[in-house]
Amino acid sequence: MDYKYRSYAALEAIARNTLKNFDDDLLSGQPCAIPIEKLAAHLGLCIEYQCLRKNGVILGEMVYDNTLVPVYFRDLREYTLIEVSGKTIILDESLLKGRNDGRLRFTCAHEIAHWLLHQDIYLGTGQAAALGNPKKSSEENPIVERQANQLATLLLMPKVQVKKALYSVRSKTITDPTATLAELFEVSKQAIGIYLQEHNLI
């Protein structure tokens, strides 16, 4: 599979331009959670919720073209092919149960990242880019998935806004700044903690 590898700086530029074209206040205003589902709509992407796999191995898929997608119907206890329009993000319905733990937002951002990065790979093939559950699967295309993860992180946590929020938190007496930032950006504590370490902000 041919893939155009992007440097981290290039991914930062893609995230910055995507957010700026959507709403410049998300970069210049007060730090806040990125409305990731509204960003998807701005990009012309639809979101659907289905049971993607019986065993929970797939959490999300980016469907590029009109195609048939297998989904699991629990009441029937069987897989069925359903028609899905191109430019559709399918999220596993299990993510709705933990809507506030950051997984749904990250999965949605990951699929948006696939749309922004990988149209040259998938568009016109009838294939979907899928995000697997890291506890249950191994990725078939680790570089492609890693780049989608990196861009998803940059979309949810713009560096300029994370820095701004971190300086604000440090100026106050807050016992757990990581938890405060996680709540602000609506991501997991683990995600913001890793982000701060990787960017040498803590």
N, C-alpha and C. Protein backbone atom coordinates (compact mmCIF):
# COMPACT_ATOMS: atom_id res chain seq x y z
N MET A 1 0.85 -1.20 0.00
CA MET A 1 0.00 0.00 0.00
C MET A 1 0.88 1.24 0.00
N ASP A 2 0.75 2.09 -1.00
CA ASP A 2 1.50 3.33 -1.06
C ASP A 2 0.90 4.34 -0.08
N TYR A 3 1.77 4.98 0.69
CA TYR A 3 1.28 5.94 1.66
C TYR A 3 2.24 7.12 1.75
N LYS A 4 1.69 8.31 1.67
CA LYS A 4 2.49 9.52 1.81
C LYS A 4 2.65 9.83 3.29
N TYR A 5 3.85 9.59 3.81
CA TYR A 5 4.13 9.82 5.23
C TYR A 5 4.24 11.32 5.49
N ARG A 6 3.57 11.79 6.56
CA ARG A 6 3.65 13.20 6.94
C ARG A 6 4.49 13.35 8.19
N SER A 7 5.34 14.36 8.22
CA SER A 7 6.10 14.66 9.42
C SER A 7 5.15 15.19 10.49
N TYR A 8 5.63 15.19 11.73
CA TYR A 8 4.78 15.70 12.81
C TYR A 8 4.44 17.17 12.58
N ALA A 9 5.39 17.93 12.07
CA ALA A 9 5.14 19.35 11.78
C ALA A 9 4.04 19.49 10.73
N ALA A 10 4.04 18.60 9.74
CA ALA A 10 3.01 18.64 8.71
C ALA A 10 1.65 18.30 9.30
N LEU A 11 1.61 17.34 10.22
CA LEU A 11 0.35 16.98 10.87
C LEU A 11 -0.16 18.15 11.72
N GLU A 12 0.75 18.84 12.41
CA GLU A 12 0.36 20.02 13.19
C GLU A 12 -0.25 21.08 12.27
N ALA A 13 0.33 21.28 11.10
CA ALA A 13 -0.18 22.27 10.16
C ALA A 13 -1.56 21.87 9.65
N ILE A 14 -1.77 20.59 9.38
CA ILE A 14 -3.08 20.11 8.93
C ILE A 14 -4.12 20.35 10.01
N ALA A 15 -3.78 20.01 11.25
CA ALA A 15 -4.72 20.21 12.36
C ALA A 15 -5.04 21.69 12.53
N ARG A 16 -4.02 22.52 12.51
CA ARG A 16 -4.20 23.96 12.70
C ARG A 16 -5.07 24.55 11.60
N ASN A 17 -4.80 24.20 10.36
CA ASN A 17 -5.58 24.74 9.24
C ASN A 17 -7.02 24.23 9.26
N THR A 18 -7.20 22.97 9.63
CA THR A 18 -8.55 22.40 9.70
C THR A 18 -9.38 23.12 10.74
N LEU A 19 -8.80 23.35 11.92
CA LEU A 19 -9.53 24.03 12.99
C LEU A 19 -9.75 25.50 12.65
N LYS A 20 -8.75 26.13 12.06
CA LYS A 20 -8.89 27.55 11.69
C LYS A 20 -9.99 27.75 10.67
N ASN A 21 -10.07 26.87 9.68
CA ASN A 21 -11.12 26.98 8.66
C ASN A 21 -12.51 26.70 9.23
N PHE A 22 -12.55 25.92 10.31
CA PHE A 22 -13.82 25.61 10.96
C PHE A 22 -14.25 26.75 11.87
N ASP A 23 -13.37 27.15 12.78
CA ASP A 23 -13.68 28.23 13.73
C ASP A 23 -12.38 28.73 14.33
N ASP A 24 -11.93 29.88 13.87
CA ASP A 24 -10.64 30.42 14.30
C ASP A 24 -10.57 30.65 15.80
N ASP A 25 -11.72 30.85 16.46
CA ASP A 25 -11.73 31.06 17.91
C ASP A 25 -11.21 29.84 18.66
N LEU A 26 -11.29 28.66 18.03
CA LEU A 26 -10.80 27.45 18.69
C LEU A 26 -9.29 27.49 18.87
N LEU A 27 -8.62 28.35 18.12
CA LEU A 27 -7.17 28.51 18.26
C LEU A 27 -6.79 29.81 18.96
N SER A 28 -7.60 30.85 18.78
CA SER A 28 -7.24 32.16 19.32
C SER A 28 -8.04 32.55 20.56
N GLY A 29 -9.15 31.89 20.79
CA GLY A 29 -9.99 32.22 21.93
C GLY A 29 -9.59 31.48 23.19
N GLN A 30 -10.50 31.42 24.13
CA GLN A 30 -10.24 30.70 25.37
C GLN A 30 -10.17 29.19 25.09
N PRO A 31 -9.23 28.48 25.72
CA PRO A 31 -9.14 27.03 25.53
C PRO A 31 -10.46 26.34 25.90
N CYS A 32 -10.86 25.40 25.08
CA CYS A 32 -12.11 24.68 25.31
C CYS A 32 -12.06 23.35 24.58
N ALA A 33 -13.04 22.52 24.85
CA ALA A 33 -13.13 21.24 24.16
C ALA A 33 -13.51 21.50 22.70
N ILE A 34 -12.82 20.85 21.79
CA ILE A 34 -13.13 20.97 20.36
C ILE A 34 -14.44 20.24 20.09
N PRO A 35 -15.44 20.90 19.49
CA PRO A 35 -16.71 20.23 19.17
C PRO A 35 -16.51 19.29 17.97
N ILE A 36 -15.98 18.12 18.26
CA ILE A 36 -15.48 17.23 17.21
C ILE A 36 -16.59 16.75 16.27
N GLU A 37 -17.79 16.55 16.78
CA GLU A 37 -18.88 16.11 15.92
C GLU A 37 -19.32 17.24 14.97
N LYS A 38 -19.27 18.47 15.45
CA LYS A 38 -19.59 19.61 14.59
C LYS A 38 -18.50 19.81 13.55
N LEU A 39 -17.25 19.52 13.93
CA LEU A 39 -16.16 19.60 12.96
C LEU A 39 -16.38 18.58 11.85
N ALA A 40 -16.82 17.39 12.21
CA ALA A 40 -17.11 16.37 11.20
C ALA A 40 -18.17 16.88 10.23
N ALA A 41 -19.23 17.48 10.76
CA ALA A 41 -20.29 18.00 9.91
C ALA A 41 -19.77 19.11 9.00
N HIS A 42 -18.90 19.97 9.55
CA HIS A 42 -18.29 21.05 8.76
C HIS A 42 -17.52 20.49 7.56
N LEU A 43 -16.91 19.34 7.75
CA LEU A 43 -16.14 18.70 6.68
C LEU A 43 -17.02 17.89 5.73
N GLY A 44 -18.33 17.92 5.98
CA GLY A 44 -19.26 17.20 5.12
C GLY A 44 -19.38 15.73 5.45
N LEU A 45 -18.96 15.35 6.66
CA LEU A 45 -19.01 13.96 7.08
C LEU A 45 -20.24 13.70 7.95
N CYS A 46 -20.89 12.59 7.72
CA CYS A 46 -22.03 12.16 8.54
C CYS A 46 -21.53 11.17 9.58
N ILE A 47 -22.23 11.07 10.70
CA ILE A 47 -21.87 10.12 11.75
C ILE A 47 -23.06 9.19 12.00
N GLU A 48 -22.78 7.91 12.00
CA GLU A 48 -23.78 6.90 12.34
C GLU A 48 -23.25 6.03 13.47
N TYR A 49 -24.17 5.46 14.24
CA TYR A 49 -23.80 4.53 15.30
C TYR A 49 -24.36 3.16 14.98
N GLN A 50 -23.50 2.15 15.00
CA GLN A 50 -23.89 0.78 14.73
C GLN A 50 -23.06 -0.13 15.64
N CYS A 51 -23.48 -1.37 15.76
CA CYS A 51 -22.63 -2.39 16.38
C CYS A 51 -21.75 -2.93 15.27
N LEU A 52 -20.50 -2.52 15.25
CA LEU A 52 -19.62 -2.86 14.13
C LEU A 52 -19.16 -4.31 14.17
N ARG A 53 -18.87 -4.82 15.35
CA ARG A 53 -18.46 -6.21 15.47
C ARG A 53 -19.01 -6.78 16.78
N LYS A 54 -19.35 -8.04 16.74
CA LYS A 54 -19.89 -8.73 17.92
C LYS A 54 -18.92 -8.68 19.09
N ASN A 55 -17.63 -8.81 18.80
CA ASN A 55 -16.61 -8.88 19.85
C ASN A 55 -16.01 -7.52 20.22
N GLY A 56 -16.50 -6.44 19.63
CA GLY A 56 -16.00 -5.11 19.96
C GLY A 56 -14.61 -4.81 19.43
N VAL A 57 -14.16 -5.56 18.44
CA VAL A 57 -12.80 -5.38 17.94
C VAL A 57 -12.63 -4.11 17.11
N ILE A 58 -13.72 -3.60 16.53
CA ILE A 58 -13.67 -2.37 15.73
C ILE A 58 -14.51 -1.29 16.43
N LEU A 59 -13.89 -0.13 16.66
CA LEU A 59 -14.59 0.97 17.34
C LEU A 59 -15.10 2.02 16.37
N GLY A 60 -14.48 2.13 15.20
CA GLY A 60 -14.92 3.15 14.24
C GLY A 60 -14.44 2.82 12.84
N GLU A 61 -15.18 3.31 11.85
CA GLU A 61 -14.79 3.14 10.45
C GLU A 61 -15.08 4.43 9.70
N MET A 62 -14.15 4.79 8.81
CA MET A 62 -14.37 5.90 7.89
C MET A 62 -14.72 5.31 6.54
N VAL A 63 -15.98 5.53 6.12
CA VAL A 63 -16.45 5.01 4.84
C VAL A 63 -16.31 6.10 3.79
N TYR A 64 -15.51 5.86 2.78
CA TYR A 64 -15.19 6.87 1.78
C TYR A 64 -16.19 6.91 0.63
N ASP A 65 -16.66 5.73 0.20
CA ASP A 65 -17.53 5.63 -0.96
C ASP A 65 -18.85 4.95 -0.56
N ASN A 66 -19.89 5.16 -1.37
CA ASN A 66 -21.13 4.40 -1.16
C ASN A 66 -20.80 2.92 -1.24
N THR A 67 -21.15 2.17 -0.22
CA THR A 67 -20.78 0.75 -0.18
C THR A 67 -21.65 0.00 0.81
N LEU A 68 -21.46 -1.31 0.88
CA LEU A 68 -22.13 -2.16 1.86
C LEU A 68 -21.15 -2.43 2.99
N VAL A 69 -21.64 -2.27 4.22
CA VAL A 69 -20.79 -2.45 5.40
C VAL A 69 -21.42 -3.51 6.30
N PRO A 70 -20.65 -4.48 6.78
CA PRO A 70 -21.21 -5.47 7.70
C PRO A 70 -21.36 -4.90 9.11
N VAL A 71 -22.54 -5.04 9.68
CA VAL A 71 -22.77 -4.65 11.07
C VAL A 71 -23.47 -5.81 11.78
N TYR A 72 -23.35 -5.83 13.09
CA TYR A 72 -23.92 -6.93 13.87
C TYR A 72 -25.22 -6.48 14.52
N PHE A 73 -26.28 -7.22 14.27
CA PHE A 73 -27.57 -6.96 14.91
C PHE A 73 -27.72 -7.92 16.09
N ARG A 74 -27.64 -7.37 17.29
CA ARG A 74 -27.66 -8.22 18.48
C ARG A 74 -28.98 -8.97 18.65
N ASP A 75 -30.09 -8.31 18.31
CA ASP A 75 -31.39 -8.98 18.48
C ASP A 75 -31.53 -10.17 17.54
N LEU A 76 -30.90 -10.08 16.36
CA LEU A 76 -30.94 -11.19 15.39
C LEU A 76 -29.78 -12.16 15.58
N ARG A 77 -28.77 -11.70 16.32
CA ARG A 77 -27.55 -12.49 16.53
C ARG A 77 -26.88 -12.88 15.21
N GLU A 78 -26.81 -11.88 14.32
CA GLU A 78 -26.17 -12.15 13.04
C GLU A 78 -25.66 -10.85 12.41
N TYR A 79 -24.74 -11.02 11.48
CA TYR A 79 -24.24 -9.88 10.72
C TYR A 79 -25.13 -9.64 9.51
N THR A 80 -25.30 -8.36 9.19
CA THR A 80 -26.08 -7.97 8.02
C THR A 80 -25.34 -6.87 7.29
N LEU A 81 -25.37 -6.90 5.98
CA LEU A 81 -24.79 -5.82 5.20
C LEU A 81 -25.79 -4.68 5.08
N ILE A 82 -25.34 -3.47 5.40
CA ILE A 82 -26.21 -2.30 5.26
C ILE A 82 -25.57 -1.33 4.27
N GLU A 83 -26.40 -0.58 3.58
CA GLU A 83 -25.89 0.43 2.65
C GLU A 83 -25.45 1.66 3.43
N VAL A 84 -24.27 2.10 3.15
CA VAL A 84 -23.73 3.29 3.81
C VAL A 84 -23.23 4.25 2.74
N SER A 85 -23.59 5.51 2.87
CA SER A 85 -23.14 6.52 1.92
C SER A 85 -21.69 6.89 2.17
N GLY A 86 -21.01 7.30 1.11
CA GLY A 86 -19.65 7.78 1.26
C GLY A 86 -19.61 8.99 2.18
N LYS A 87 -18.42 9.25 2.73
CA LYS A 87 -18.21 10.36 3.68
C LYS A 87 -18.99 10.14 4.96
N THR A 88 -19.05 8.88 5.41
CA THR A 88 -19.74 8.54 6.65
C THR A 88 -18.77 7.94 7.65
N ILE A 89 -18.82 8.47 8.87
CA ILE A 89 -18.09 7.88 9.99
C ILE A 89 -19.06 6.98 10.73
N ILE A 90 -18.69 5.72 10.87
CA ILE A 90 -19.51 4.80 11.66
C ILE A 90 -18.79 4.57 12.97
N LEU A 91 -19.44 4.88 14.07
CA LEU A 91 -18.89 4.66 15.40
C LEU A 91 -19.63 3.52 16.07
N ASP A 92 -18.89 2.69 16.79
CA ASP A 92 -19.54 1.58 17.47
C ASP A 92 -20.45 2.11 18.58
N GLU A 93 -21.64 1.56 18.65
CA GLU A 93 -22.63 2.06 19.61
C GLU A 93 -22.18 1.90 21.06
N SER A 94 -21.22 1.02 21.32
CA SER A 94 -20.72 0.84 22.69
C SER A 94 -20.06 2.12 23.21
N LEU A 95 -19.57 2.97 22.31
CA LEU A 95 -18.92 4.20 22.72
C LEU A 95 -19.89 5.17 23.39
N LEU A 96 -21.18 5.04 23.07
CA LEU A 96 -22.18 5.93 23.68
C LEU A 96 -22.31 5.69 25.17
N LYS A 97 -22.01 4.46 25.61
CA LYS A 97 -22.13 4.14 27.04
C LYS A 97 -21.10 4.87 27.87
N GLY A 98 -19.92 5.11 27.28
CA GLY A 98 -18.88 5.82 28.00
C GLY A 98 -18.60 7.16 27.37
N ARG A 99 -19.67 7.87 27.00
CA ARG A 99 -19.54 9.09 26.22
C ARG A 99 -18.61 10.11 26.87
N ASN A 100 -18.51 10.10 28.19
CA ASN A 100 -17.72 11.12 28.86
C ASN A 100 -16.28 10.70 29.15
N ASP A 101 -15.86 9.52 28.69
CA ASP A 101 -14.51 9.09 29.02
C ASP A 101 -13.48 9.41 27.93
N GLY A 102 -13.90 10.12 26.91
CA GLY A 102 -12.98 10.56 25.87
C GLY A 102 -12.83 9.60 24.70
N ARG A 103 -13.24 8.35 24.86
CA ARG A 103 -13.04 7.37 23.77
C ARG A 103 -13.87 7.71 22.54
N LEU A 104 -15.11 8.14 22.75
CA LEU A 104 -15.97 8.47 21.61
C LEU A 104 -15.37 9.65 20.84
N ARG A 105 -14.94 10.67 21.56
CA ARG A 105 -14.39 11.87 20.91
C ARG A 105 -13.09 11.52 20.17
N PHE A 106 -12.26 10.69 20.81
CA PHE A 106 -11.00 10.33 20.14
C PHE A 106 -11.27 9.48 18.90
N THR A 107 -12.19 8.53 19.01
CA THR A 107 -12.50 7.68 17.86
C THR A 107 -13.03 8.50 16.70
N CYS A 108 -13.91 9.46 17.01
CA CYS A 108 -14.45 10.34 15.98
C CYS A 108 -13.32 11.16 15.35
N ALA A 109 -12.43 11.69 16.18
CA ALA A 109 -11.30 12.48 15.67
C ALA A 109 -10.37 11.61 14.83
N HIS A 110 -10.19 10.37 15.23
CA HIS A 110 -9.34 9.44 14.48
C HIS A 110 -9.90 9.20 13.08
N GLU A 111 -11.22 9.04 12.99
CA GLU A 111 -11.83 8.81 11.67
C GLU A 111 -11.79 10.07 10.82
N ILE A 112 -11.95 11.24 11.45
CA ILE A 112 -11.78 12.50 10.71
C ILE A 112 -10.36 12.58 10.17
N ALA A 113 -9.40 12.17 10.99
CA ALA A 113 -8.00 12.19 10.55
C ALA A 113 -7.79 11.28 9.34
N HIS A 114 -8.44 10.12 9.35
CA HIS A 114 -8.36 9.24 8.17
C HIS A 114 -8.88 9.97 6.93
N TRP A 115 -9.99 10.69 7.09
CA TRP A 115 -10.55 11.41 5.95
C TRP A 115 -9.58 12.46 5.43
N LEU A 116 -8.96 13.18 6.35
CA LEU A 116 -8.06 14.25 5.96
C LEU A 116 -6.75 13.73 5.36
N LEU A 117 -6.30 12.57 5.82
CA LEU A 117 -4.98 12.07 5.42
C LEU A 117 -4.99 11.00 4.33
N HIS A 118 -6.03 10.19 4.29
CA HIS A 118 -5.91 8.94 3.55
C HIS A 118 -6.90 8.75 2.41
N GLN A 119 -7.44 9.85 1.89
CA GLN A 119 -8.34 9.71 0.74
C GLN A 119 -7.62 9.09 -0.46
N ASP A 120 -6.34 9.40 -0.60
CA ASP A 120 -5.60 8.85 -1.74
C ASP A 120 -5.44 7.34 -1.65
N ILE A 121 -5.56 6.78 -0.45
CA ILE A 121 -5.45 5.34 -0.27
C ILE A 121 -6.80 4.65 -0.48
N TYR A 122 -7.86 5.22 0.11
CA TYR A 122 -9.12 4.51 0.20
C TYR A 122 -10.20 4.96 -0.79
N LEU A 123 -10.17 6.24 -1.19
CA LEU A 123 -11.24 6.75 -2.05
C LEU A 123 -11.26 5.98 -3.37
N GLY A 124 -12.44 5.47 -3.71
CA GLY A 124 -12.60 4.72 -4.95
C GLY A 124 -12.31 3.24 -4.84
N THR A 125 -11.95 2.77 -3.64
CA THR A 125 -11.62 1.35 -3.47
C THR A 125 -12.77 0.55 -2.88
N GLY A 126 -13.74 1.24 -2.25
CA GLY A 126 -14.82 0.54 -1.57
C GLY A 126 -14.41 0.03 -0.20
N GLN A 127 -13.16 0.32 0.21
CA GLN A 127 -12.68 -0.10 1.52
C GLN A 127 -12.88 1.02 2.53
N ALA A 128 -12.96 0.63 3.80
CA ALA A 128 -13.09 1.60 4.87
C ALA A 128 -11.84 1.57 5.74
N ALA A 129 -11.48 2.72 6.30
CA ALA A 129 -10.39 2.79 7.27
C ALA A 129 -11.01 2.56 8.63
N ALA A 130 -10.49 1.61 9.39
CA ALA A 130 -11.12 1.22 10.65
C ALA A 130 -10.17 1.41 11.82
N LEU A 131 -10.73 1.84 12.95
CA LEU A 131 -9.97 1.93 14.19
C LEU A 131 -10.33 0.74 15.05
N GLY A 132 -9.33 -0.07 15.36
CA GLY A 132 -9.57 -1.24 16.20
C GLY A 132 -9.45 -0.90 17.66
N ASN A 133 -10.06 -1.73 18.49
CA ASN A 133 -9.91 -1.62 19.94
C ASN A 133 -8.51 -2.12 20.28
N PRO A 134 -7.64 -1.26 20.84
CA PRO A 134 -6.25 -1.67 21.09
C PRO A 134 -6.13 -2.86 22.02
N LYS A 135 -7.16 -3.12 22.84
CA LYS A 135 -7.12 -4.26 23.75
C LYS A 135 -7.49 -5.56 23.05
N LYS A 136 -8.06 -5.46 21.84
CA LYS A 136 -8.59 -6.65 21.20
C LYS A 136 -8.06 -6.91 19.80
N SER A 137 -7.26 -5.99 19.28
CA SER A 137 -6.82 -6.19 17.89
C SER A 137 -5.42 -5.64 17.67
N SER A 138 -4.81 -6.09 16.60
CA SER A 138 -3.55 -5.51 16.15
C SER A 138 -3.81 -4.84 14.81
N GLU A 139 -3.26 -3.66 14.62
CA GLU A 139 -3.55 -2.90 13.42
C GLU A 139 -2.87 -3.51 12.20
N GLU A 140 -3.57 -3.53 11.07
CA GLU A 140 -2.99 -4.05 9.83
C GLU A 140 -2.01 -3.05 9.23
N ASN A 141 -2.26 -1.76 9.40
CA ASN A 141 -1.44 -0.71 8.81
C ASN A 141 -0.94 0.22 9.92
N PRO A 142 0.10 -0.19 10.65
CA PRO A 142 0.51 0.57 11.84
C PRO A 142 0.91 2.01 11.55
N ILE A 143 1.56 2.29 10.41
CA ILE A 143 1.98 3.66 10.12
C ILE A 143 0.76 4.53 9.84
N VAL A 144 -0.16 4.02 9.04
CA VAL A 144 -1.39 4.74 8.72
C VAL A 144 -2.17 5.04 10.00
N GLU A 145 -2.29 4.04 10.86
CA GLU A 145 -3.05 4.22 12.10
C GLU A 145 -2.33 5.16 13.06
N ARG A 146 -1.02 5.06 13.12
CA ARG A 146 -0.26 5.93 14.01
C ARG A 146 -0.42 7.39 13.59
N GLN A 147 -0.37 7.64 12.29
CA GLN A 147 -0.53 9.02 11.81
C GLN A 147 -1.95 9.53 12.07
N ALA A 148 -2.94 8.66 11.92
CA ALA A 148 -4.32 9.06 12.23
C ALA A 148 -4.46 9.37 13.72
N ASN A 149 -3.80 8.58 14.57
CA ASN A 149 -3.83 8.84 16.01
C ASN A 149 -3.18 10.17 16.34
N GLN A 150 -2.04 10.45 15.70
CA GLN A 150 -1.34 11.70 15.96
C GLN A 150 -2.18 12.90 15.55
N LEU A 151 -2.79 12.83 14.38
CA LEU A 151 -3.61 13.95 13.92
C LEU A 151 -4.85 14.09 14.79
N ALA A 152 -5.45 12.98 15.21
CA ALA A 152 -6.62 13.04 16.09
C ALA A 152 -6.27 13.77 17.39
N THR A 153 -5.11 13.46 17.94
CA THR A 153 -4.65 14.12 19.17
C THR A 153 -4.48 15.61 18.96
N LEU A 154 -3.90 15.99 17.83
CA LEU A 154 -3.67 17.41 17.55
C LEU A 154 -4.97 18.16 17.29
N LEU A 155 -5.97 17.47 16.76
CA LEU A 155 -7.28 18.10 16.56
C LEU A 155 -7.98 18.33 17.89
N LEU A 156 -7.88 17.37 18.80
CA LEU A 156 -8.56 17.48 20.09
C LEU A 156 -7.82 18.37 21.07
N MET A 157 -6.49 18.44 20.93
CA MET A 157 -5.68 19.20 21.87
C MET A 157 -4.71 20.09 21.11
N PRO A 158 -5.20 21.19 20.52
CA PRO A 158 -4.29 22.10 19.79
C PRO A 158 -3.18 22.60 20.72
N LYS A 159 -1.94 22.49 20.25
CA LYS A 159 -0.79 22.79 21.10
C LYS A 159 -0.86 24.18 21.71
N VAL A 160 -1.23 25.17 20.91
CA VAL A 160 -1.28 26.55 21.42
C VAL A 160 -2.29 26.69 22.55
N GLN A 161 -3.41 25.96 22.45
CA GLN A 161 -4.44 26.05 23.47
C GLN A 161 -4.08 25.25 24.72
N VAL A 162 -3.41 24.12 24.52
CA VAL A 162 -2.96 23.33 25.67
C VAL A 162 -1.95 24.14 26.48
N LYS A 163 -1.02 24.79 25.79
CA LYS A 163 -0.04 25.62 26.49
C LYS A 163 -0.72 26.75 27.26
N LYS A 164 -1.67 27.40 26.60
CA LYS A 164 -2.38 28.50 27.24
C LYS A 164 -3.11 28.03 28.49
N ALA A 165 -3.78 26.89 28.37
CA ALA A 165 -4.53 26.34 29.50
C ALA A 165 -3.59 25.90 30.61
N LEU A 166 -2.47 25.31 30.24
CA LEU A 166 -1.51 24.84 31.24
C LEU A 166 -0.95 26.00 32.04
N TYR A 167 -0.60 27.10 31.37
CA TYR A 167 -0.08 28.28 32.07
C TYR A 167 -1.14 28.84 33.03
N SER A 168 -2.39 28.83 32.59
CA SER A 168 -3.47 29.31 33.44
C SER A 168 -3.64 28.43 34.68
N VAL A 169 -3.56 27.13 34.48
CA VAL A 169 -3.71 26.18 35.59
C VAL A 169 -2.56 26.33 36.58
N ARG A 170 -1.36 26.51 36.03
CA ARG A 170 -0.19 26.63 36.91
C ARG A 170 -0.22 27.91 37.75
N SER A 171 -0.94 28.92 37.28
CA SER A 171 -1.02 30.18 38.02
C SER A 171 -2.01 30.10 39.18
N LYS A 172 -2.72 28.99 39.24
CA LYS A 172 -3.71 28.80 40.30
C LYS A 172 -3.28 27.64 41.19
N THR A 173 -3.90 27.56 42.35
CA THR A 173 -3.61 26.46 43.26
C THR A 173 -4.54 25.30 42.93
N ILE A 174 -4.07 24.45 42.03
CA ILE A 174 -4.86 23.30 41.60
C ILE A 174 -4.07 22.04 41.91
N THR A 175 -4.67 21.14 42.66
CA THR A 175 -3.96 19.95 43.12
C THR A 175 -3.68 18.95 42.01
N ASP A 176 -4.56 18.86 41.03
CA ASP A 176 -4.37 17.90 39.94
C ASP A 176 -4.57 18.59 38.59
N PRO A 177 -3.52 19.26 38.08
CA PRO A 177 -3.66 20.00 36.81
C PRO A 177 -4.00 19.09 35.64
N THR A 178 -3.53 17.85 35.66
CA THR A 178 -3.82 16.93 34.55
C THR A 178 -5.32 16.67 34.47
N ALA A 179 -5.95 16.45 35.62
CA ALA A 179 -7.39 16.21 35.65
C ALA A 179 -8.15 17.45 35.18
N THR A 180 -7.66 18.63 35.55
CA THR A 180 -8.30 19.88 35.14
C THR A 180 -8.23 20.04 33.62
N LEU A 181 -7.08 19.76 33.05
CA LEU A 181 -6.92 19.89 31.60
C LEU A 181 -7.74 18.82 30.87
N ALA A 182 -7.78 17.61 31.43
CA ALA A 182 -8.57 16.54 30.81
C ALA A 182 -10.04 16.92 30.76
N GLU A 183 -10.51 17.52 31.84
CA GLU A 183 -11.92 17.95 31.89
C GLU A 183 -12.17 19.10 30.90
N LEU A 184 -11.22 20.02 30.81
CA LEU A 184 -11.37 21.17 29.92
C LEU A 184 -11.46 20.74 28.46
N PHE A 185 -10.57 19.84 28.05
CA PHE A 185 -10.52 19.43 26.65
C PHE A 185 -11.37 18.18 26.36
N GLU A 186 -12.02 17.66 27.42
CA GLU A 186 -12.88 16.48 27.31
C GLU A 186 -12.14 15.30 26.67
N VAL A 187 -10.96 15.03 27.26
CA VAL A 187 -10.17 13.88 26.89
C VAL A 187 -9.84 13.13 28.18
N SER A 188 -9.24 11.96 28.04
CA SER A 188 -8.89 11.18 29.24
C SER A 188 -7.65 11.78 29.91
N LYS A 189 -7.50 11.51 31.20
CA LYS A 189 -6.31 11.96 31.92
C LYS A 189 -5.06 11.34 31.31
N GLN A 190 -5.19 10.09 30.90
CA GLN A 190 -4.05 9.42 30.28
C GLN A 190 -3.63 10.13 29.00
N ALA A 191 -4.62 10.51 28.18
CA ALA A 191 -4.31 11.17 26.91
C ALA A 191 -3.61 12.50 27.13
N ILE A 192 -4.12 13.32 28.04
CA ILE A 192 -3.49 14.63 28.26
C ILE A 192 -2.14 14.46 28.92
N GLY A 193 -2.01 13.45 29.80
CA GLY A 193 -0.74 13.20 30.46
C GLY A 193 0.34 12.82 29.46
N ILE A 194 0.01 11.93 28.54
CA ILE A 194 0.96 11.52 27.49
C ILE A 194 1.32 12.71 26.62
N TYR A 195 0.31 13.52 26.28
CA TYR A 195 0.52 14.69 25.43
C TYR A 195 1.52 15.65 26.09
N LEU A 196 1.31 15.93 27.38
CA LEU A 196 2.19 16.87 28.09
C LEU A 196 3.62 16.34 28.16
N GLN A 197 3.74 15.03 28.37
CA GLN A 197 5.10 14.44 28.43
C GLN A 197 5.78 14.50 27.07
N GLU A 198 5.05 14.13 26.02
CA GLU A 198 5.65 14.10 24.68
C GLU A 198 6.05 15.48 24.20
N HIS A 199 5.37 16.52 24.69
CA HIS A 199 5.70 17.89 24.27
C HIS A 199 6.54 18.62 25.33
N ASN A 200 7.07 17.84 26.29
CA ASN A 200 7.94 18.41 27.33
C ASN A 200 7.31 19.59 28.06
N LEU A 201 6.01 19.44 28.34
CA LEU A 201 5.30 20.51 29.04
C LEU A 201 5.18 20.24 30.54
N ILE A 202 5.63 19.06 30.99
CA ILE A 202 5.64 18.77 32.42
C ILE A 202 7.00 18.21 32.80
